[in-house]
């Protein structure tokens, strides 16, 4: 089953392929420049949004896949930045001479390319700064989680130690109970044996007295 991150990757790959194709057309064709520029800028914005969604999705994926996904994301960011610079160069390719412009509209496109360049570069830099802040925040969360996990482990070990001590105390109490019962049983048996011995002695004395009186008469 395709994960959400992989779905974003597929969408991103399709967008960058479109951007690359449109940049090639922008370099080699003087037709429909406005439409090409509009399409490229729209695709670049959508690609930036996808990268932001990928960054958010990385936090929820498995730890074993997190580092690999983050490495992919950094590569995607570098790729988008490269495509943005290629787009800016493609728009400015005829800048510096007024003799090669095919139309007033094309001249106007080149005039505003400087502002577009600044805007796109600023967006790219903001995206990188936001990504770094998110990475720093994520690291703090991971460190806090690790500290919390360690504290819980220590508490669990202490609980297990207390539980073992309680079990040993219970076993000791049971051993003492058994010893007490055995001692009581032995005491009862000793008393019984003494009573039996006393009865035997008394009986023997009575028999002796009876015999003595009989022989005496």
Protein backbone atom coordinates (compact mmCIF):
# COMPACT_ATOMS: atom_id res chain seq x y z
CA UNK A 1 0.00 0.00 0.00
CA UNK A 2 1.41 3.41 -1.04
CA UNK A 3 2.03 5.72 1.94
CA UNK A 4 1.03 9.37 1.98
CA UNK A 5 4.69 10.41 1.74
CA UNK A 6 5.19 8.23 -1.34
CA UNK A 7 2.04 9.73 -2.86
CA UNK A 8 3.50 13.22 -2.33
CA UNK A 9 6.72 12.01 -3.97
CA UNK A 10 4.84 10.87 -7.07
CA UNK A 11 3.01 14.21 -7.33
CA UNK A 12 6.30 16.07 -6.84
CA UNK A 13 8.03 14.04 -9.55
CA UNK A 14 5.21 14.80 -12.00
CA UNK A 15 5.38 18.53 -11.18
CA UNK A 16 9.16 18.77 -11.56
CA UNK A 17 8.95 16.91 -14.87
CA UNK A 18 6.38 19.48 -16.07
CA UNK A 19 8.55 22.36 -14.81
CA UNK A 20 11.63 20.98 -16.60
CA UNK A 21 9.69 20.54 -19.84
CA UNK A 22 8.17 24.03 -19.66
CA UNK A 23 11.56 25.63 -18.89
CA UNK A 24 12.90 23.98 -22.05
CA UNK A 25 10.03 25.44 -24.04
CA UNK A 26 10.60 28.85 -22.46
CA UNK A 27 14.25 28.79 -23.57
CA UNK A 28 13.61 27.67 -27.12
CA UNK A 29 10.33 29.31 -28.04
CA UNK A 30 9.16 32.88 -28.25
CA UNK A 31 5.52 31.86 -28.33
CA UNK A 32 3.12 31.82 -25.40
CA UNK A 33 5.74 33.10 -22.95
CA UNK A 34 3.14 34.50 -20.58
CA UNK A 35 1.28 31.19 -20.42
CA UNK A 36 4.50 29.23 -19.92
CA UNK A 37 5.65 31.60 -17.17
CA UNK A 38 2.27 31.37 -15.44
CA UNK A 39 2.28 27.57 -15.61
CA UNK A 40 5.85 27.29 -14.33
CA UNK A 41 5.24 29.62 -11.38
CA UNK A 42 2.05 27.78 -10.50
CA UNK A 43 3.86 24.42 -10.60
CA UNK A 44 6.73 25.78 -8.50
CA UNK A 45 4.28 26.96 -5.83
CA UNK A 46 2.53 23.58 -5.84
CA UNK A 47 5.92 21.82 -5.53
CA UNK A 48 6.82 24.00 -2.54
CA UNK A 49 3.52 23.13 -0.88
CA UNK A 50 4.18 19.42 -1.50
CA UNK A 51 7.60 19.73 0.14
CA UNK A 52 5.97 21.31 3.18
CA UNK A 53 3.45 18.46 3.33
CA UNK A 54 6.29 15.93 3.05
CA UNK A 55 8.09 17.63 5.92
CA UNK A 56 5.00 17.36 8.10
CA UNK A 57 4.40 13.74 7.08
CA UNK A 58 7.96 12.70 8.03
CA UNK A 59 7.14 13.27 11.71
CA UNK A 60 4.52 10.50 11.68
CA UNK A 61 6.38 7.79 9.77
CA UNK A 62 8.35 4.92 11.32
CA UNK A 63 11.69 5.76 12.94
CA UNK A 64 13.50 3.29 10.67
CA UNK A 65 12.34 5.19 7.55
CA UNK A 66 12.55 8.72 8.99
CA UNK A 67 16.21 9.47 8.19
CA UNK A 68 15.95 8.15 4.62
CA UNK A 69 12.79 10.20 4.01
CA UNK A 70 14.43 13.32 5.41
CA UNK A 71 17.43 12.82 3.11
CA UNK A 72 15.06 12.50 0.15
CA UNK A 73 13.30 15.72 1.20
CA UNK A 74 16.60 17.65 1.27
CA UNK A 75 17.37 16.36 -2.25
CA UNK A 76 13.92 17.47 -3.43
CA UNK A 77 14.46 20.93 -1.96
CA UNK A 78 17.83 21.26 -3.69
CA UNK A 79 16.25 20.08 -6.96
CA UNK A 80 13.42 22.62 -6.73
CA UNK A 81 15.87 25.40 -5.97
CA UNK A 82 17.92 24.41 -9.03
CA UNK A 83 14.81 24.37 -11.23
CA UNK A 84 13.83 27.78 -9.87
CA UNK A 85 17.21 29.22 -10.83
CA UNK A 86 16.97 27.61 -14.27
CA UNK A 87 13.54 29.16 -14.70
CA UNK A 88 14.88 32.59 -13.74
CA UNK A 89 17.75 32.22 -16.23
CA UNK A 90 15.33 31.09 -18.95
CA UNK A 91 13.16 34.17 -18.37
CA UNK A 92 16.20 36.46 -18.44
CA UNK A 93 17.94 34.84 -21.38
CA UNK A 94 17.26 37.83 -23.70
CA UNK A 95 17.93 40.48 -21.07
CA UNK A 96 20.63 43.03 -21.94
CA UNK A 97 19.50 43.92 -25.46
CA UNK A 98 16.33 45.50 -26.76
CA UNK A 99 16.91 44.39 -30.35
CA UNK A 100 16.08 40.71 -29.74
CA UNK A 101 12.67 41.11 -28.12
CA UNK A 102 9.93 39.60 -30.20
CA UNK A 103 7.16 41.79 -28.77
CA UNK A 104 6.44 44.52 -26.14
CA UNK A 105 4.87 41.82 -23.97
CA UNK A 106 8.09 39.87 -24.00
CA UNK A 107 10.04 43.01 -23.07
CA UNK A 108 7.66 43.55 -20.15
CA UNK A 109 8.20 39.94 -19.05
CA UNK A 110 11.95 40.48 -18.89
CA UNK A 111 11.58 43.77 -17.01
CA UNK A 112 9.64 42.11 -14.19
CA UNK A 113 11.96 39.07 -14.07
CA UNK A 114 14.18 40.76 -11.46
CA UNK A 115 11.27 41.10 -9.04
CA UNK A 116 10.14 37.57 -9.79
CA UNK A 117 13.67 36.33 -9.16
CA UNK A 118 13.81 38.03 -5.78
CA UNK A 119 10.37 36.70 -4.87
CA UNK A 120 11.19 33.11 -5.83
CA UNK A 121 14.58 33.19 -4.11
CA UNK A 122 13.00 34.65 -0.99
CA UNK A 123 10.36 31.93 -1.02
CA UNK A 124 13.05 29.29 -1.42
CA UNK A 125 15.10 30.77 1.44
CA UNK A 126 12.01 31.00 3.64
CA UNK A 127 11.23 27.38 2.88
CA UNK A 128 14.76 26.37 3.88
CA UNK A 129 14.62 28.44 7.09
CA UNK A 130 11.24 26.94 7.95
CA UNK A 131 12.59 23.46 7.31
CA UNK A 132 15.59 24.15 9.59
CA UNK A 133 13.31 25.48 12.34
CA UNK A 134 11.11 22.41 12.02
CA UNK A 135 14.19 20.19 12.17
CA UNK A 136 15.42 21.97 15.31
CA UNK A 137 11.98 21.69 16.90
CA UNK A 138 11.80 18.04 15.95
CA UNK A 139 15.22 17.41 17.53
CA UNK A 140 14.04 19.06 20.77
CA UNK A 141 10.93 16.85 20.74
CA UNK A 142 13.07 13.75 20.15
CA UNK A 143 15.43 14.69 23.00
CA UNK A 144 12.49 15.35 25.32
CA UNK A 145 10.94 12.04 24.30
CA UNK A 146 14.22 10.22 24.99
CA UNK A 147 14.52 11.85 28.44
CA UNK A 148 10.91 10.93 29.23
CA UNK A 149 11.52 7.38 28.05
CA UNK A 150 14.61 7.11 30.27
CA UNK A 151 12.68 8.42 33.28
CA UNK A 152 9.89 5.92 32.64
CA UNK A 153 12.42 3.11 32.35
CA UNK A 154 14.00 4.11 35.67
CA UNK A 155 10.60 4.24 37.34
CA UNK A 156 9.71 0.86 35.85
CA UNK A 157 12.96 -0.64 37.16
CA UNK A 158 12.28 0.80 40.62
CA UNK A 159 8.73 -0.58 40.53
CA UNK A 160 10.06 -4.02 39.58
CA UNK A 161 12.60 -3.84 42.44
CA UNK A 162 9.85 -2.95 44.92
CA UNK A 163 7.67 -5.74 43.52
CA UNK A 164 10.48 -8.28 43.91
CA UNK A 165 11.10 -7.10 47.50
CA UNK A 166 7.40 -7.42 48.24
CA UNK A 167 7.35 -10.94 46.78
CA UNK A 168 10.38 -11.94 48.86
CA UNK A 169 8.71 -10.53 52.00
CA UNK A 170 5.53 -12.46 51.21
CA UNK A 171 7.55 -15.64 50.71
CA UNK A 172 9.37 -15.02 54.00
CA UNK A 173 6.05 -14.55 55.81
CA UNK A 174 4.78 -17.80 54.30
CA UNK A 175 7.96 -19.62 55.41
CA UNK A 176 7.57 -18.20 58.93
CA UNK A 177 3.93 -19.34 58.96
CA UNK A 178 4.89 -22.83 57.90
CA UNK A 179 7.67 -22.92 60.50
CA UNK A 180 5.24 -21.75 63.19
CA UNK A 181 2.75 -24.45 62.24
CA UNK A 182 5.46 -27.11 62.27
CA UNK A 183 6.70 -25.91 65.66
CA UNK A 184 3.15 -25.99 67.05
CA UNK A 185 2.62 -29.46 65.67
CA UNK A 186 5.86 -30.66 67.23
CA UNK A 187 4.89 -29.10 70.59
CA UNK A 188 1.48 -30.80 70.52
CA UNK A 189 3.12 -34.13 69.67
CA UNK A 190 5.60 -33.69 72.50
CA UNK A 191 2.80 -32.97 74.98
CA UNK A 192 0.87 -35.98 73.74
CA UNK A 193 3.90 -38.19 74.15
CA UNK A 194 4.46 -36.89 77.70
CA UNK A 195 0.82 -37.51 78.60
CA UNK A 196 1.02 -41.04 77.19
CA UNK A 197 4.27 -41.63 79.12
CA UNK A 198 2.70 -40.27 82.32
CA UNK A 199 -0.36 -42.48 81.89
CA UNK A 200 1.90 -45.47 81.24
CA UNK A 201 3.95 -44.78 84.37
CA UNK A 202 0.83 -44.32 86.51
CA UNK A 203 -0.64 -47.53 85.10
CA UNK A 204 2.61 -49.38 85.77
CA UNK A 205 2.70 -48.09 89.37
CA UNK A 206 -0.91 -49.07 89.96
CA UNK A 207 -0.24 -52.54 88.58
CA UNK A 208 2.79 -52.91 90.82
CA UNK A 209 0.82 -51.78 93.89
CA UNK A 210 -1.98 -54.21 93.02
CA UNK A 211 0.44 -57.09 92.67
CA UNK A 212 2.17 -56.20 95.88
CA UNK A 213 -1.06 -56.12 97.83
CA UNK A 214 -2.17 -59.44 96.35
CA UNK A 215 1.04 -61.28 97.20
CA UNK A 216 1.13 -59.68 100.58
CA UNK A 217 -2.18 -61.17 101.56
